[in-house]
Protein backbone atom coordinates (compact mmCIF):
# COMPACT_ATOMS: atom_id res chain seq x y z
CA MET A 1 122.70 95.41 127.72
CA SER A 2 121.95 92.61 130.00
CA GLY A 3 118.74 90.50 129.44
CA GLY A 4 117.14 92.29 132.78
CA CYS A 5 117.85 95.53 131.39
CA ALA A 6 116.49 94.65 127.98
CA GLU A 7 113.39 93.27 129.34
CA SER A 8 112.60 96.36 131.76
CA ALA A 9 113.09 98.45 128.70
CA ASP A 10 110.66 96.80 126.90
CA VAL A 11 108.18 96.65 129.77
CA ALA A 12 108.77 100.64 129.84
CA ALA A 13 108.26 101.08 126.06
CA GLY A 14 105.41 98.99 126.00
CA GLN A 15 103.72 100.98 128.92
CA GLY A 16 104.43 103.98 127.07
CA ALA A 17 102.86 102.91 123.93
CA ASP A 18 99.84 101.69 125.81
CA VAL A 19 99.36 105.20 127.09
CA ARG A 20 99.69 106.86 123.67
CA LEU A 21 97.41 103.99 122.25
CA ARG A 22 94.54 105.15 124.94
CA SER A 23 95.21 108.76 124.11
CA GLY A 24 94.65 107.91 120.28
CA SER A 25 98.22 109.29 119.52
CA LEU A 26 99.81 106.22 118.50
CA ALA A 27 99.74 105.83 114.61
CA VAL A 28 97.89 103.06 112.90
CA GLY A 29 100.21 100.47 111.87
CA GLN A 30 103.04 101.48 114.09
CA TYR A 31 105.05 99.04 115.99
CA LEU A 32 103.50 98.23 119.43
CA PRO A 33 106.31 97.42 122.01
CA GLY A 34 105.67 94.18 124.21
CA SER A 35 106.91 91.08 126.03
CA SER A 36 104.71 88.63 124.45
CA VAL A 37 105.79 85.32 123.05
CA LEU A 38 104.97 86.56 119.56
CA HIS A 39 107.28 89.63 120.06
CA ARG A 40 110.14 87.51 120.75
CA ILE A 41 109.96 85.32 117.86
CA ASP A 42 112.79 85.46 115.47
CA PRO A 43 111.84 87.95 112.74
CA ARG A 44 113.01 85.78 110.08
CA VAL A 45 110.45 83.04 111.23
CA LYS A 46 107.64 85.55 111.45
CA LEU A 47 108.31 87.13 108.14
CA GLY A 48 108.29 83.62 106.47
CA ILE A 49 105.14 82.29 108.41
CA SER A 50 103.32 85.54 107.09
CA VAL A 51 104.57 85.04 103.37
CA VAL A 52 103.45 81.40 103.33
CA TYR A 53 100.04 82.33 105.24
CA ALA A 54 99.39 85.15 102.68
CA CYS A 55 100.07 82.46 99.82
CA LEU A 56 97.80 79.78 101.60
CA LEU A 57 95.01 82.09 101.66
CA PHE A 58 94.48 82.08 97.86
CA VAL A 59 95.06 78.29 97.66
CA VAL A 60 92.55 77.21 100.38
CA ILE A 61 89.08 76.95 98.78
CA GLY A 62 86.85 75.55 101.07
CA TRP A 63 85.22 77.07 104.13
CA TRP A 64 86.82 74.27 106.52
CA GLY A 65 90.09 75.70 105.40
CA MET A 66 89.41 79.26 105.92
CA ALA A 67 88.11 78.48 109.27
CA THR A 68 91.39 76.80 110.14
CA MET A 69 93.56 79.86 108.89
CA ALA A 70 91.21 82.19 110.83
CA LEU A 71 91.47 80.24 113.98
CA GLY A 72 95.25 80.34 113.89
CA LEU A 73 95.34 84.18 113.11
CA VAL A 74 93.03 84.65 116.13
CA ALA A 75 95.24 82.57 118.45
CA GLY A 76 98.15 84.68 117.37
CA VAL A 77 96.35 87.87 118.07
CA ALA A 78 95.57 86.44 121.63
CA ILE A 79 99.03 85.58 122.05
CA SER A 80 100.62 88.81 121.00
CA ARG A 81 98.14 90.68 123.38
CA VAL A 82 97.88 93.42 121.20
CA PRO A 83 94.34 95.49 121.59
CA VAL A 84 91.85 94.48 119.39
CA MET A 85 90.70 98.08 119.05
CA TYR A 86 94.27 98.94 117.67
CA LEU A 87 93.95 96.27 115.13
CA TRP A 88 90.24 97.55 114.41
CA ARG A 89 91.92 101.04 113.59
CA PHE A 90 94.12 99.44 111.21
CA LEU A 91 91.31 97.79 109.35
CA ARG A 92 88.73 100.21 109.49
CA PRO A 93 90.00 102.41 106.29
CA PHE A 94 89.48 99.19 104.34
CA VAL A 95 85.84 98.40 105.33
CA VAL A 96 84.60 100.38 102.52
CA ILE A 97 86.58 98.38 99.79
CA LEU A 98 85.37 94.96 101.58
CA VAL A 99 81.93 96.13 101.36
CA ILE A 100 82.33 97.15 97.60
CA THR A 101 83.96 93.88 96.77
CA LEU A 102 81.32 91.91 98.48
CA PHE A 103 78.64 93.95 96.58
CA PHE A 104 79.85 93.11 93.23
CA GLN A 105 81.14 89.78 93.88
CA ALA A 106 77.21 88.89 95.15
CA MET A 107 76.37 89.76 91.37
CA SER A 108 79.24 88.23 89.37
CA LEU A 109 77.81 84.41 89.42
CA PRO A 110 74.62 83.20 88.06
CA GLY A 111 72.30 80.79 90.18
CA GLU A 112 69.26 81.39 92.59
CA VAL A 113 68.49 85.05 93.29
CA LEU A 114 68.67 85.73 96.79
CA LEU A 115 67.68 89.27 97.03
CA ALA A 116 66.87 91.69 94.21
CA LEU A 117 67.18 95.47 94.54
CA GLY A 118 66.06 97.12 91.28
CA PRO A 119 68.66 96.18 88.68
CA PHE A 120 71.00 94.52 91.02
CA ARG A 121 70.54 90.53 91.63
CA PHE A 122 72.54 89.02 94.37
CA THR A 123 72.76 85.12 94.06
CA THR A 124 73.43 82.69 96.60
CA ALA A 125 76.36 81.44 94.64
CA GLY A 126 77.79 85.16 94.19
CA LEU A 127 77.34 85.81 97.90
CA ALA A 128 79.16 82.64 98.83
CA GLN A 129 82.17 83.52 96.40
CA GLY A 130 82.12 87.11 97.75
CA GLY A 131 82.09 85.87 101.58
CA VAL A 132 85.36 83.98 100.35
CA VAL A 133 87.14 86.81 98.80
CA VAL A 134 86.19 89.27 101.64
CA THR A 135 87.41 86.76 104.30
CA ARG A 136 90.65 86.26 102.30
CA LEU A 137 91.30 89.99 102.13
CA LEU A 138 90.19 90.47 105.72
CA LEU A 139 92.79 87.66 107.01
CA LEU A 140 95.52 88.97 104.64
CA LEU A 141 95.07 92.44 106.07
CA LEU A 142 94.88 91.29 109.64
CA SER A 143 98.04 89.16 109.42
CA GLY A 144 100.17 91.79 107.76
CA ALA A 145 98.89 94.25 110.68
CA LEU A 146 100.02 91.73 113.26
CA LEU A 147 103.52 91.35 111.84
CA VAL A 148 104.16 95.01 111.52
CA VAL A 149 102.66 95.78 115.22
CA THR A 150 104.92 92.96 116.79
CA THR A 151 108.12 93.58 114.89
CA PRO A 152 110.39 96.59 114.86
CA PRO A 153 110.88 98.16 111.64
CA VAL A 154 114.80 97.29 111.80
CA ALA A 155 114.21 93.81 112.36
CA VAL A 156 111.69 93.30 109.58
CA THR A 157 114.57 95.09 107.47
CA ASP A 158 117.15 92.57 108.62
CA ALA A 159 114.70 89.48 107.98
CA ILE A 160 113.88 90.65 104.55
CA ALA A 161 117.70 91.20 104.01
CA TRP A 162 118.13 87.59 105.14
CA TYR A 163 115.95 86.21 102.54
CA PHE A 164 117.35 88.39 99.60
CA ARG A 165 120.70 87.30 100.54
CA PRO A 166 121.41 84.51 98.03
CA LEU A 167 120.21 87.07 95.19
CA ARG A 168 123.59 88.79 95.91
CA ARG A 169 125.53 86.32 93.71
CA VAL A 170 123.67 87.74 90.66
CA GLY A 171 124.46 91.09 91.55
CA VAL A 172 121.16 92.12 93.38
CA PRO A 173 121.73 94.71 96.27
CA SER A 174 119.86 92.67 98.87
CA GLY A 175 120.36 95.17 101.55
CA ASP A 176 119.04 98.15 99.81
CA VAL A 177 116.11 96.20 98.65
CA ALA A 178 115.21 95.39 102.18
CA LEU A 179 115.71 99.05 103.32
CA VAL A 180 113.51 100.06 100.70
CA MET A 181 110.67 97.65 101.30
CA SER A 182 110.83 98.60 105.18
CA LEU A 183 110.82 102.17 104.35
CA ALA A 184 107.53 101.77 102.29
CA LEU A 185 106.10 99.79 105.38
CA ARG A 186 107.15 102.58 107.59
CA PHE A 187 105.60 105.34 105.75
CA ILE A 188 102.23 103.61 105.72
CA PRO A 189 101.76 104.79 109.55
CA VAL A 190 103.27 108.20 108.99
CA LEU A 191 101.12 109.03 105.82
CA MET A 192 97.99 107.83 107.91
CA THR A 193 98.91 110.20 110.72
CA GLU A 194 99.37 112.98 108.24
CA SER A 195 95.93 112.37 106.78
CA ASP A 196 94.57 112.45 110.05
CA GLN A 197 95.97 115.61 110.95
CA LEU A 198 94.86 117.18 107.61
CA VAL A 199 91.26 116.06 107.92
CA LYS A 200 91.07 117.52 111.61
CA ALA A 201 92.52 120.71 110.31
CA GLN A 202 90.15 120.84 107.56
CA ARG A 203 87.20 120.14 109.89
CA ALA A 204 88.39 123.01 112.30
CA ARG A 205 87.97 125.27 109.12
CA GLY A 206 84.48 124.21 108.82
CA ILE A 207 84.89 122.36 105.84
CA ALA A 208 82.54 119.15 105.28
CA LEU A 209 84.50 115.96 104.70
CA THR A 210 81.57 113.34 105.01
CA ILE A 211 78.98 114.18 102.33
CA ARG A 212 76.54 111.35 101.29
CA SER A 213 77.08 112.19 97.46
CA PRO A 214 80.03 110.04 96.38
CA LEU A 215 80.75 112.84 93.76
CA ARG A 216 80.70 115.54 96.30
CA SER A 217 82.39 113.43 98.70
CA GLY A 218 85.27 112.95 96.39
CA ARG A 219 85.53 116.59 95.58
CA ALA A 220 85.66 117.29 99.19
CA LEU A 221 88.57 115.25 99.57
CA LEU A 222 90.61 116.85 96.91
CA PRO A 223 91.79 119.45 99.02
CA LEU A 224 93.47 116.85 101.05
CA VAL A 225 95.41 115.09 98.28
CA VAL A 226 98.07 118.00 97.42
CA PRO A 227 99.07 118.74 101.02
CA LEU A 228 99.21 114.89 101.80
CA PHE A 229 101.82 114.62 98.92
CA VAL A 230 103.76 117.69 100.00
CA LEU A 231 103.98 116.23 103.62
CA GLY A 232 104.88 112.86 102.37
CA PHE A 233 107.68 114.34 100.22
CA ARG A 234 108.61 116.56 102.96
CA ARG A 235 109.02 113.62 105.54
CA ALA A 236 110.99 111.62 102.83
CA GLU A 237 113.26 114.49 102.60
CA GLU A 238 113.70 114.75 106.26
CA LEU A 239 114.46 110.95 106.41
CA ALA A 240 117.10 111.29 103.62
CA ASP A 241 118.81 114.22 105.48
CA ALA A 242 118.95 112.03 108.54
CA MET A 243 120.64 109.08 106.83
CA LEU A 244 122.78 111.62 105.34
CA SER A 245 123.97 113.24 108.52
CA ARG A 246 124.49 109.58 110.09
CA CYS A 247 126.90 108.92 106.95
CA TYR A 248 124.74 106.20 105.64
CA ARG A 249 126.58 104.78 102.51
CA GLY A 250 124.26 101.71 101.66
CA THR A 251 124.08 98.45 103.35
CA GLU A 252 127.38 96.79 101.83
CA GLY A 253 129.86 95.78 104.76
CA ARG A 254 127.34 97.27 107.42
CA THR A 255 127.32 95.33 110.62
CA HIS A 256 124.38 94.64 112.70
CA TYR A 257 123.80 95.71 116.25
CA ARG A 258 121.73 92.78 117.16
CA GLU A 259 122.84 89.51 115.48
CA MET A 260 119.65 87.28 114.65
CA ARG A 261 120.10 83.80 116.04
CA LEU A 262 117.44 81.12 115.77
CA ALA A 263 116.42 79.89 119.33
CA PRO A 264 114.66 76.55 120.02
CA VAL A 265 111.52 78.25 120.86
CA ASP A 266 111.55 79.57 117.40
CA ALA A 267 111.74 75.97 115.75
CA VAL A 268 108.81 74.95 117.71
CA TRP A 269 106.91 77.62 116.35
CA LEU A 270 107.89 77.08 113.16
CA LEU A 271 106.83 73.33 113.27
CA THR A 272 103.56 74.54 114.88
CA ALA A 273 102.88 76.83 111.90
CA LEU A 274 103.75 73.92 109.39
CA VAL A 275 101.52 71.65 111.22
CA TRP A 276 98.77 74.47 111.02
CA PHE A 277 99.32 75.01 107.44
CA GLY A 278 99.24 71.43 106.45
CA CYS A 279 95.77 71.04 108.23
CA ALA A 280 94.18 74.10 106.71
CA LEU A 281 95.65 72.97 103.29
CA VAL A 282 94.24 69.50 103.74
CA LEU A 283 90.75 70.69 104.90
CA GLY A 284 90.64 73.62 102.30
CA ARG A 285 91.27 71.19 99.36
CA GLY A 286 88.62 68.60 100.32
CA TRP A 287 91.37 65.89 100.57
CA VAL A 288 89.65 64.46 103.58
CA GLY A 289 86.21 64.01 101.68
CA TRP A 290 84.31 66.73 104.07
């Protein structure tokens, strides 16, 4: 396929994904085709940057460093041209977890009481610590979402297999490990789509799923658990049948349709990321005296 044909195919796929995104039929966490610079970066570079970014989030402890990490991620979102509402759909299920984390962190440290609600005492130090923890989790989720929506699942699998390749010397099937990890990532949007369809079906039958009482709300969600597991296993079985019908026998000796090659632009982005991480580390550890 020539470069012009490939670019035309990417544009057409991006337009189709945009239509599905506006209609709400595009699954959360699914790859979103595009022609941005971030889409064209080598998947090995993107995966490596994402892993280092996730590790640095738990090394950086100062607000200056966290702001630097957040600023770089916001720049990545702008470069990728991924709609913000699509990323919000990815983050929305985790809002409750983030709020609960902030709630308990705000009471975990002693200090000046900023707010008292009955037996709950929210301290200034606790709120500051909770803000750092929530910011870390939020940036971690957003960076993972940005990697998934700008990288095809096959490219993610190839990148993981490339990083695990040295483990072949000790008998680790790196290709199979990468395939399992890629399928696990692929099933996240599948399960979210199935759960959304189950919720709509239950509401169509007049079953109330949004109840103020946490206990009753948990009981109302129980009828969704068993069907979701059944649908998940059914999808897994369909995937296994599809792989067997294509004579899949493992990744050993398998060739690649597209060979990954580092381009000069990948080296530029890698160097930019290293400078960015260095600034965040220096500012976040207080090595400049701020």
